[in-house]
Amino acid sequence: MSNKINEEFISFYNVENLFTPDPPPVHKLDPTASGLNNWDERKYQNKLFKIAHVFQLMQESEGKLPLFIGVSEIQGDKPLQDLLALEPFSNNFGNVHYESMDERGVDVALIYDKTKIEILSSEPISYFFTVEKQDYEYYDTTRDVLYCKVKYENAVIHVFVLHLPSKREKDVNKPKRDYILADLNKKVKNLIVSEKESVIILGDFNENPDEENLSNFLYDDEHNKILMNPFLDLYKLGNFSTYHYKSGLLFDQMILSTNFLQQNFPLAFKESKVFNHEKLRSWDKKFSDRPFRTFAGTRYLGGYSDHFPILTVFEKTPKH
């Protein structure tokens, strides 16, 4: 058995619509702020309890909580505050969050262990896309990418948390994902090649690890490999974090700079995995390998999320 005392890990979790409760509708058929059916205080509290429980299970499995956690599909700051007041966090964790201009009001955030991680700086990276109609044009917005410069021991790590535009309607959003990934690749390449810095990009990419965008993302302009994606091998072995009809998908990934393979770095890459604990899986035997989700379409199921969390484990290297 490995010695987990000498390990740290980080996680990412698409929590599926962690929204504050909707006010009661004036008329029965009024649209709700969340877009969900009957999203009330009871369902909200159950959702918070469920998400907190995921990290209790993780703590039991890994012997500790993550150094930091990227989360997506959070609506504003209040759900984060309410979540972090619960066990196992108990206000020992802080969060970094900015309101994005996403039309559904969903954001990404970083939750971090205040005893181990120092936030040096942070900012949202916003993207606007011009949409031309016959007689006018307007700007389409999407979820921000959250950028945080953090410090762990004596190492500075540049962290990007993202939830890229979704695959839907014959993938009309692919040009947006192409653009965002190309822009991020420039930023990351500058940090790694010019400044010799360490980088982690984690999130829901809405693409599988073997797709062209993500394969190309790992290289600089001279086709030198500057990043690694351990989720590619997991995907090839049939590990999935979410499903669409019959297809297993691994949209949730973490991409790391190669510093994490070096022995003189405080965190040495060990392994990545999908955290598909049996309690997070569907109770329906037919779908027992899939996440136990909060909603199936408009039907409330009361589960955790339509995604499994993912994590990457590091060995703490001795201080020199």
Protein backbone atom coordinates (compact mmCIF):
# COMPACT_ATOMS: atom_id res chain seq x y z
CA MET A 1 0.00 0.00 0.00
CA SER A 2 1.36 3.42 -0.89
CA ASN A 3 2.22 5.92 1.82
CA LYS A 4 -0.49 8.56 1.43
CA ILE A 5 1.18 10.78 4.05
CA ASN A 6 3.71 11.76 1.36
CA GLU A 7 1.01 12.58 -1.18
CA GLU A 8 -1.10 15.60 -2.09
CA PHE A 9 -3.82 15.77 -4.72
CA ILE A 10 -5.99 18.23 -6.60
CA SER A 11 -9.50 17.77 -7.94
CA PHE A 12 -11.98 19.13 -10.45
CA TYR A 13 -15.75 18.69 -10.23
CA ASN A 14 -18.57 19.80 -12.53
CA VAL A 15 -21.25 19.94 -9.85
CA GLU A 16 -24.28 20.22 -12.21
CA ASN A 17 -26.28 23.37 -11.46
CA LEU A 18 -25.40 24.33 -7.90
CA PHE A 19 -27.90 27.18 -7.86
CA THR A 20 -29.48 29.09 -4.98
CA PRO A 21 -33.22 28.39 -4.51
CA ASP A 22 -35.68 30.13 -6.81
CA PRO A 23 -38.23 32.51 -5.27
CA PRO A 24 -41.78 31.11 -5.46
CA PRO A 25 -43.29 31.89 -8.90
CA VAL A 26 -46.14 34.39 -9.11
CA HIS A 27 -47.79 32.24 -11.78
CA LYS A 28 -47.35 28.49 -12.04
CA LEU A 29 -45.82 28.55 -15.53
CA ASP A 30 -43.46 31.50 -14.97
CA PRO A 31 -39.86 30.74 -16.03
CA THR A 32 -37.49 30.33 -13.07
CA ALA A 33 -34.17 32.13 -12.56
CA SER A 34 -32.35 28.79 -12.39
CA GLY A 35 -34.16 27.25 -15.35
CA LEU A 36 -34.88 24.25 -13.07
CA ASN A 37 -38.26 22.91 -12.00
CA ASN A 38 -39.33 23.65 -8.40
CA TRP A 39 -35.78 24.42 -7.27
CA ASP A 40 -36.55 25.13 -3.62
CA GLU A 41 -34.65 25.38 -0.32
CA ARG A 42 -35.03 21.66 0.44
CA LYS A 43 -33.51 20.59 -2.89
CA TYR A 44 -30.76 23.21 -2.55
CA GLN A 45 -29.78 21.98 0.92
CA ASN A 46 -29.82 18.37 -0.30
CA LYS A 47 -27.54 19.37 -3.18
CA LEU A 48 -25.09 21.13 -0.84
CA PHE A 49 -25.05 18.09 1.46
CA LYS A 50 -24.43 15.79 -1.51
CA ILE A 51 -21.50 17.83 -2.90
CA ALA A 52 -19.93 18.06 0.58
CA HIS A 53 -20.39 14.29 0.93
CA VAL A 54 -18.36 13.73 -2.26
CA PHE A 55 -15.36 15.32 -0.59
CA GLN A 56 -15.91 13.34 2.62
CA LEU A 57 -15.71 10.19 0.49
CA MET A 58 -12.59 11.57 -1.18
CA GLN A 59 -11.05 12.28 2.22
CA GLU A 60 -11.74 8.69 3.31
CA SER A 61 -10.24 7.34 0.08
CA GLU A 62 -7.15 9.57 -0.13
CA GLY A 63 -6.52 10.21 3.57
CA LYS A 64 -6.92 13.97 3.22
CA LEU A 65 -8.72 16.69 1.29
CA PRO A 66 -7.40 18.19 -1.97
CA LEU A 67 -4.90 21.06 -2.01
CA PHE A 68 -7.37 22.79 -4.28
CA ILE A 69 -10.50 22.00 -6.25
CA GLY A 70 -11.69 23.52 -9.51
CA VAL A 71 -15.48 23.59 -9.70
CA SER A 72 -17.90 24.46 -12.48
CA GLU A 73 -21.66 25.10 -12.79
CA ILE A 74 -21.74 27.24 -9.63
CA GLN A 75 -24.23 30.12 -9.59
CA GLY A 76 -22.58 32.99 -7.74
CA ASP A 77 -20.70 33.20 -4.47
CA LYS A 78 -23.42 32.14 -2.01
CA PRO A 79 -23.42 28.41 -2.90
CA LEU A 80 -19.64 28.39 -2.41
CA GLN A 81 -19.93 30.02 1.02
CA ASP A 82 -22.72 27.63 2.03
CA LEU A 83 -20.72 24.62 0.81
CA LEU A 84 -17.50 25.62 2.57
CA ALA A 85 -19.35 26.02 5.90
CA LEU A 86 -20.14 22.29 5.85
CA GLU A 87 -18.05 19.28 6.84
CA PRO A 88 -15.45 18.32 5.73
CA PHE A 89 -14.46 21.90 4.77
CA SER A 90 -15.62 23.64 7.98
CA ASN A 91 -14.35 27.03 6.83
CA ASN A 92 -10.74 25.80 6.50
CA PHE A 93 -11.05 26.37 2.76
CA GLY A 94 -11.22 29.64 0.87
CA ASN A 95 -12.51 30.28 -2.63
CA VAL A 96 -11.75 32.43 -5.65
CA HIS A 97 -14.74 33.31 -7.79
CA TYR A 98 -15.82 36.00 -10.26
CA GLU A 99 -19.29 36.54 -11.69
CA SER A 100 -19.15 35.73 -15.39
CA MET A 101 -21.41 37.04 -18.14
CA ASP A 102 -22.63 33.57 -19.03
CA GLU A 103 -26.30 33.73 -20.06
CA ARG A 104 -27.29 31.04 -17.52
CA GLY A 105 -25.29 32.68 -14.73
CA VAL A 106 -23.01 29.69 -14.17
CA ASP A 107 -19.41 30.22 -13.18
CA VAL A 108 -16.21 28.38 -12.40
CA ALA A 109 -14.36 28.78 -9.10
CA LEU A 110 -11.30 27.58 -7.21
CA ILE A 111 -11.66 26.19 -3.68
CA TYR A 112 -8.37 25.87 -1.80
CA ASP A 113 -6.93 24.71 1.52
CA LYS A 114 -5.97 27.94 3.30
CA THR A 115 -3.31 26.13 5.39
CA LYS A 116 -1.38 24.91 2.33
CA ILE A 117 -2.14 27.20 -0.60
CA GLU A 118 -1.54 30.94 -0.87
CA ILE A 119 -3.33 32.89 -3.60
CA LEU A 120 -0.81 35.36 -5.04
CA SER A 121 -3.17 36.83 -7.65
CA SER A 122 -6.29 36.00 -9.64
CA GLU A 123 -8.40 37.32 -12.49
CA PRO A 124 -11.18 36.20 -14.83
CA ILE A 125 -10.37 35.81 -18.52
CA SER A 126 -13.52 36.79 -20.42
CA TYR A 127 -14.40 36.00 -24.03
CA PHE A 128 -16.94 37.78 -26.24
CA PHE A 129 -18.04 36.51 -29.62
CA THR A 130 -19.69 38.69 -32.27
CA VAL A 131 -22.84 37.17 -33.72
CA GLU A 132 -23.97 38.72 -36.98
CA LYS A 133 -27.67 38.65 -37.82
CA GLN A 134 -29.23 39.94 -41.02
CA ASP A 135 -29.83 43.46 -39.77
CA TYR A 136 -27.76 43.75 -36.59
CA GLU A 137 -24.97 42.16 -34.61
CA TYR A 138 -24.61 41.40 -30.93
CA TYR A 139 -22.09 39.88 -28.57
CA ASP A 140 -22.44 36.33 -27.32
CA THR A 141 -20.78 35.62 -23.98
CA THR A 142 -19.58 32.41 -22.38
CA ARG A 143 -18.19 31.27 -19.06
CA ASP A 144 -14.99 32.97 -17.97
CA VAL A 145 -11.75 31.08 -17.56
CA LEU A 146 -10.49 31.63 -14.01
CA TYR A 147 -6.76 32.30 -13.71
CA CYS A 148 -5.05 32.00 -10.31
CA LYS A 149 -1.38 32.31 -9.45
CA VAL A 150 -0.90 30.18 -6.34
CA LYS A 151 1.97 29.22 -4.06
CA TYR A 152 2.54 25.79 -2.55
CA GLU A 153 5.59 25.59 -0.30
CA ASN A 154 8.30 27.28 -2.39
CA ALA A 155 6.66 26.62 -5.77
CA VAL A 156 4.53 29.03 -7.79
CA ILE A 157 1.84 27.35 -9.92
CA HIS A 158 -0.34 29.04 -12.55
CA VAL A 159 -3.82 27.50 -12.43
CA PHE A 160 -6.50 27.89 -15.11
CA VAL A 161 -10.03 26.63 -14.31
CA LEU A 162 -12.39 26.35 -17.27
CA HIS A 163 -15.74 25.09 -18.49
CA LEU A 164 -15.64 25.44 -22.26
CA PRO A 165 -18.78 26.01 -24.40
CA SER A 166 -20.93 22.90 -24.63
CA LYS A 167 -21.25 20.43 -27.46
CA ARG A 168 -24.83 20.77 -28.67
CA GLU A 169 -26.89 21.44 -31.80
CA LYS A 170 -24.38 19.90 -34.23
CA ASP A 171 -21.57 21.46 -32.17
CA VAL A 172 -22.18 25.06 -33.14
CA ASN A 173 -19.87 26.04 -30.27
CA LYS A 174 -16.77 24.35 -31.66
CA PRO A 175 -15.33 27.63 -33.12
CA LYS A 176 -15.62 29.17 -29.65
CA ARG A 177 -13.74 26.29 -28.04
CA ASP A 178 -11.13 26.49 -30.80
CA TYR A 179 -10.62 30.19 -30.15
CA ILE A 180 -10.45 29.92 -26.35
CA LEU A 181 -8.01 27.00 -26.44
CA ALA A 182 -5.79 28.78 -28.99
CA ASP A 183 -5.74 31.89 -26.80
CA LEU A 184 -4.99 29.86 -23.66
CA ASN A 185 -2.25 27.96 -25.45
CA LYS A 186 -0.50 31.29 -26.19
CA LYS A 187 -0.73 32.33 -22.53
CA VAL A 188 0.44 28.93 -21.27
CA LYS A 189 3.26 28.70 -23.81
CA ASN A 190 4.57 32.08 -22.68
CA LEU A 191 4.52 30.98 -19.02
CA ILE A 192 6.27 27.67 -19.70
CA VAL A 193 8.71 28.51 -22.51
CA SER A 194 9.59 32.14 -21.76
CA GLU A 195 9.20 32.24 -17.99
CA LYS A 196 9.91 28.57 -17.08
CA GLU A 197 6.83 28.51 -14.86
CA SER A 198 4.55 25.62 -13.77
CA VAL A 199 1.02 25.39 -15.14
CA ILE A 200 -2.13 23.34 -14.47
CA ILE A 201 -5.23 23.66 -16.67
CA LEU A 202 -8.22 21.84 -15.20
CA GLY A 203 -11.86 21.77 -16.10
CA ASP A 204 -14.65 20.53 -18.32
CA PHE A 205 -13.25 20.90 -21.84
CA ASN A 206 -16.40 19.57 -23.57
CA GLU A 207 -14.02 17.55 -25.74
CA ASN A 208 -12.40 14.16 -25.18
CA PRO A 209 -8.62 13.98 -24.63
CA ASP A 210 -7.94 12.45 -28.07
CA GLU A 211 -9.67 15.22 -30.05
CA GLU A 212 -7.51 17.44 -32.25
CA ASN A 213 -7.88 20.60 -30.17
CA LEU A 214 -6.58 18.93 -27.04
CA SER A 215 -3.87 16.94 -28.81
CA ASN A 216 -2.49 20.15 -30.37
CA PHE A 217 -2.77 22.04 -27.07
CA LEU A 218 0.13 20.05 -25.59
CA TYR A 219 2.72 21.48 -28.03
CA ASP A 220 4.38 24.82 -28.66
CA ASP A 221 4.82 26.40 -32.12
CA GLU A 222 7.96 24.34 -32.79
CA HIS A 223 6.02 21.18 -31.92
CA ASN A 224 7.93 20.63 -28.69
CA LYS A 225 5.77 18.90 -26.11
CA ILE A 226 5.42 21.33 -23.19
CA LEU A 227 2.35 19.83 -21.48
CA MET A 228 1.07 16.37 -20.59
CA ASN A 229 -2.49 15.11 -20.39
CA PRO A 230 -2.66 11.98 -18.20
CA PHE A 231 -6.38 11.69 -18.97
CA LEU A 232 -5.62 10.54 -22.52
CA ASP A 233 -4.47 7.11 -21.29
CA LEU A 234 -7.44 6.91 -18.90
CA TYR A 235 -9.81 7.61 -21.78
CA LYS A 236 -8.19 4.95 -23.96
CA LEU A 237 -8.72 2.47 -21.12
CA GLY A 238 -12.44 3.27 -20.98
CA ASN A 239 -12.54 5.62 -17.98
CA PHE A 240 -15.36 8.16 -18.31
CA SER A 241 -16.51 11.09 -16.17
CA THR A 242 -19.88 11.70 -17.86
CA TYR A 243 -22.18 10.18 -20.46
CA HIS A 244 -24.31 11.34 -23.37
CA TYR A 245 -26.91 8.74 -24.34
CA LYS A 246 -24.82 5.59 -24.91
CA SER A 247 -21.47 7.35 -25.20
CA GLY A 248 -18.96 7.49 -22.35
CA LEU A 249 -17.07 10.81 -22.29
CA LEU A 250 -14.01 12.13 -20.50
CA PHE A 251 -14.58 15.87 -20.90
CA ASP A 252 -13.21 16.52 -17.38
CA GLN A 253 -9.42 16.66 -17.50
CA MET A 254 -6.26 18.16 -16.03
CA ILE A 255 -3.35 19.18 -18.23
CA LEU A 256 0.03 19.72 -16.53
CA SER A 257 3.34 21.31 -17.47
CA THR A 258 6.22 18.84 -17.48
CA ASN A 259 7.74 20.44 -14.33
CA PHE A 260 5.57 17.98 -12.42
CA LEU A 261 7.72 15.13 -13.76
CA GLN A 262 10.90 16.60 -12.28
CA GLN A 263 12.25 15.28 -8.99
CA ASN A 264 13.33 18.70 -7.73
CA PHE A 265 9.77 20.04 -7.90
CA PRO A 266 7.78 19.89 -4.61
CA LEU A 267 4.95 17.95 -6.30
CA ALA A 268 5.86 15.01 -8.54
CA PHE A 269 3.08 13.59 -10.71
CA LYS A 270 1.98 10.13 -9.61
CA GLU A 271 -1.41 9.33 -11.20
CA SER A 272 -4.73 10.71 -12.36
CA LYS A 273 -8.10 9.05 -11.93
CA VAL A 274 -11.84 9.44 -12.23
CA PHE A 275 -13.36 9.36 -8.74
CA ASN A 276 -16.33 7.10 -9.52
CA HIS A 277 -17.01 5.89 -5.97
CA GLU A 278 -19.94 3.46 -5.81
CA LYS A 279 -22.01 5.95 -3.75
CA LEU A 280 -21.78 8.49 -6.58
CA ARG A 281 -23.15 6.05 -9.16
CA SER A 282 -26.71 5.60 -10.38
CA TRP A 283 -28.96 3.31 -8.35
CA ASP A 284 -30.46 2.03 -11.59
CA LYS A 285 -28.69 -1.29 -12.29
CA LYS A 286 -28.91 -0.63 -16.03
CA PHE A 287 -26.82 2.56 -15.56
CA SER A 288 -24.74 1.53 -12.53
CA ASP A 289 -21.49 2.76 -14.12
CA ARG A 290 -22.91 6.29 -14.58
CA PRO A 291 -23.12 9.27 -12.20
CA PHE A 292 -26.18 9.58 -9.94
CA ARG A 293 -27.36 12.91 -11.26
CA THR A 294 -29.50 15.67 -9.76
CA PHE A 295 -31.79 15.91 -12.80
CA ALA A 296 -32.60 13.71 -15.78
CA GLY A 297 -33.98 16.28 -18.19
CA THR A 298 -36.61 18.09 -16.08
CA ARG A 299 -37.15 15.13 -13.72
CA TYR A 300 -35.62 15.61 -10.26
CA LEU A 301 -33.63 12.56 -9.11
CA GLY A 302 -31.89 14.09 -6.07
CA GLY A 303 -28.42 12.77 -6.89
CA TYR A 304 -24.96 14.33 -6.81
CA SER A 305 -24.09 15.46 -10.35
CA ASP A 306 -24.14 14.28 -13.96
CA HIS A 307 -20.33 14.20 -13.80
CA PHE A 308 -17.89 12.25 -11.63
CA PRO A 309 -15.10 14.32 -10.06
CA ILE A 310 -11.55 13.75 -11.26
CA LEU A 311 -8.29 13.99 -9.35
CA THR A 312 -4.54 13.99 -9.83
CA VAL A 313 -2.22 12.65 -7.15
CA PHE A 314 1.31 13.96 -6.54
CA GLU A 315 4.15 12.69 -4.39
CA LYS A 316 5.67 15.33 -2.15
CA THR A 317 9.36 15.42 -2.97
CA PRO A 318 11.84 15.93 -0.11
CA LYS A 319 12.96 19.51 0.42
CA HIS A 320 16.51 20.12 -0.79
